[in-house]
Amino acid sequence: MPRNTRYIPRILSRDIYTYIANNTSLEKKQVRECFKAYGDMMVDLIESDYTPEDLTVLLPKIGTFYFHKHKGRKNGSTYKFYGKEVVAKDEKSYYRLKFKTCHQLNALIKEKTKHYEE
């Protein structure tokens, strides 16, 4: 691990593949192929000229991907970034891909973490 970096706990792709393979009848290679196909599908949808802007893509039992319009900046407008005012140049509006977790996961997280402020 490089110096001056803080350790951030994370679950890597290989950990996900292993967990799913250990808890299903799929092999790790098959799980990897499924995630690759899902990722390829997302790229195909984004690159398509026919994808509606209000499209949502469900990730079962986890949440939903959706497109969110990000309004572009106008030349001469000022914005604050880290306490400094920045004058913007023209930037066109565009869509971002966002993710919203499902209600059941949100409720579980809320229940399991409510003790943090005690």
Protein backbone atom coordinates (compact mmCIF):
# COMPACT_ATOMS: atom_id res chain seq x y z
CA MET A 1 0.00 0.00 0.00
CA PRO A 2 1.42 3.45 -0.92
CA ARG A 3 2.42 5.84 1.84
CA ASN A 4 0.23 8.75 2.88
CA THR A 5 -2.94 6.95 1.85
CA ARG A 6 -5.66 5.95 4.20
CA TYR A 7 -6.86 2.37 4.10
CA ILE A 8 -10.42 2.28 2.82
CA PRO A 9 -12.21 -1.03 3.34
CA ARG A 10 -13.79 -2.32 0.17
CA ILE A 11 -15.13 -5.44 -1.41
CA LEU A 12 -13.43 -6.09 -4.71
CA SER A 13 -14.90 -7.73 -7.82
CA ARG A 14 -13.07 -10.97 -7.10
CA ASP A 15 -14.62 -11.06 -3.63
CA ILE A 16 -18.09 -10.63 -5.13
CA TYR A 17 -17.47 -13.38 -7.69
CA THR A 18 -16.23 -15.73 -4.98
CA TYR A 19 -19.15 -15.01 -2.65
CA ILE A 20 -21.74 -15.58 -5.38
CA ALA A 21 -19.99 -18.72 -6.64
CA ASN A 22 -19.88 -20.12 -3.09
CA ASN A 23 -23.59 -19.42 -2.57
CA THR A 24 -24.98 -20.56 -5.93
CA SER A 25 -24.51 -23.34 -8.43
CA LEU A 26 -22.44 -21.01 -10.65
CA GLU A 27 -18.70 -21.12 -11.03
CA LYS A 28 -16.62 -17.99 -10.49
CA LYS A 29 -16.00 -17.70 -14.25
CA GLN A 30 -19.75 -17.79 -14.93
CA VAL A 31 -20.42 -15.10 -12.32
CA ARG A 32 -17.73 -12.91 -13.89
CA GLU A 33 -19.32 -13.43 -17.32
CA CYS A 34 -22.73 -12.38 -15.94
CA PHE A 35 -21.34 -9.14 -14.52
CA LYS A 36 -19.47 -8.48 -17.77
CA ALA A 37 -22.68 -9.00 -19.76
CA TYR A 38 -24.58 -6.66 -17.41
CA GLY A 39 -21.87 -4.01 -17.82
CA ASP A 40 -21.88 -4.46 -21.61
CA MET A 41 -25.66 -4.06 -21.62
CA MET A 42 -25.36 -0.78 -19.70
CA VAL A 43 -22.77 0.54 -22.15
CA ASP A 44 -24.93 -0.50 -25.12
CA LEU A 45 -27.93 1.31 -23.61
CA ILE A 46 -25.91 4.47 -22.99
CA GLU A 47 -24.38 4.45 -26.48
CA SER A 48 -27.68 3.76 -28.21
CA ASP A 49 -29.38 6.63 -30.04
CA TYR A 50 -32.75 5.15 -29.07
CA THR A 51 -32.45 4.91 -25.28
CA PRO A 52 -35.16 7.05 -23.67
CA GLU A 53 -33.92 9.62 -21.16
CA ASP A 54 -36.37 8.36 -18.53
CA LEU A 55 -35.13 4.76 -18.77
CA THR A 56 -34.50 2.92 -15.50
CA VAL A 57 -32.50 -0.31 -15.23
CA LEU A 58 -33.25 -2.58 -12.30
CA LEU A 59 -30.55 -4.47 -10.44
CA PRO A 60 -32.82 -7.01 -8.69
CA LYS A 61 -33.07 -6.76 -4.88
CA ILE A 62 -30.42 -4.02 -4.84
CA GLY A 63 -31.62 -0.90 -6.64
CA THR A 64 -32.15 0.97 -9.88
CA PHE A 65 -29.91 2.82 -12.30
CA TYR A 66 -31.46 5.93 -13.84
CA PHE A 67 -30.47 8.91 -15.98
CA HIS A 68 -30.33 12.32 -14.31
CA LYS A 69 -30.04 15.53 -16.30
CA HIS A 70 -27.08 17.65 -15.22
CA LYS A 71 -27.67 21.24 -16.23
CA GLY A 72 -24.69 22.84 -17.96
CA ARG A 73 -23.02 25.99 -16.70
CA LYS A 74 -23.39 29.32 -18.43
CA ASN A 75 -20.47 31.53 -19.39
CA GLY A 76 -19.78 34.15 -16.71
CA SER A 77 -21.73 32.44 -13.92
CA THR A 78 -19.90 32.02 -10.65
CA TYR A 79 -19.78 28.83 -8.59
CA LYS A 80 -18.08 28.03 -5.32
CA PHE A 81 -15.62 25.14 -5.33
CA TYR A 82 -13.87 24.42 -2.03
CA GLY A 83 -14.46 27.97 -0.83
CA LYS A 84 -13.18 29.67 -4.00
CA GLU A 85 -15.36 31.39 -6.55
CA VAL A 86 -14.90 30.11 -10.06
CA VAL A 87 -16.19 31.78 -13.21
CA ALA A 88 -17.69 29.19 -15.52
CA LYS A 89 -17.29 28.74 -19.22
CA ASP A 90 -20.17 27.45 -21.32
CA GLU A 91 -20.93 23.81 -20.69
CA LYS A 92 -23.74 21.93 -22.34
CA SER A 93 -26.27 20.02 -20.28
CA TYR A 94 -25.80 16.27 -20.19
CA TYR A 95 -27.12 13.16 -18.48
CA ARG A 96 -25.44 11.31 -15.62
CA LEU A 97 -26.06 7.73 -14.66
CA LYS A 98 -27.13 7.49 -11.01
CA PHE A 99 -28.08 4.65 -8.71
CA LYS A 100 -30.84 4.49 -6.11
CA THR A 101 -30.91 1.62 -3.61
CA CYS A 102 -34.17 -0.22 -3.00
CA HIS A 103 -36.40 0.55 -0.02
CA GLN A 104 -35.72 -2.79 1.71
CA LEU A 105 -31.95 -2.17 1.76
CA ASN A 106 -32.44 1.40 2.96
CA ALA A 107 -34.70 0.20 5.78
CA LEU A 108 -32.18 -2.49 6.78
CA ILE A 109 -29.30 0.01 6.80
CA LYS A 110 -31.37 2.43 8.87
CA GLU A 111 -32.22 -0.28 11.41
CA LYS A 112 -28.67 -1.65 11.68
CA THR A 113 -27.00 1.77 12.00
CA LYS A 114 -29.42 3.66 14.26
CA HIS A 115 -27.17 3.08 17.28
CA TYR A 116 -24.31 5.17 15.83
CA GLU A 117 -25.52 8.40 17.43
CA GLU A 118 -26.02 6.99 20.93
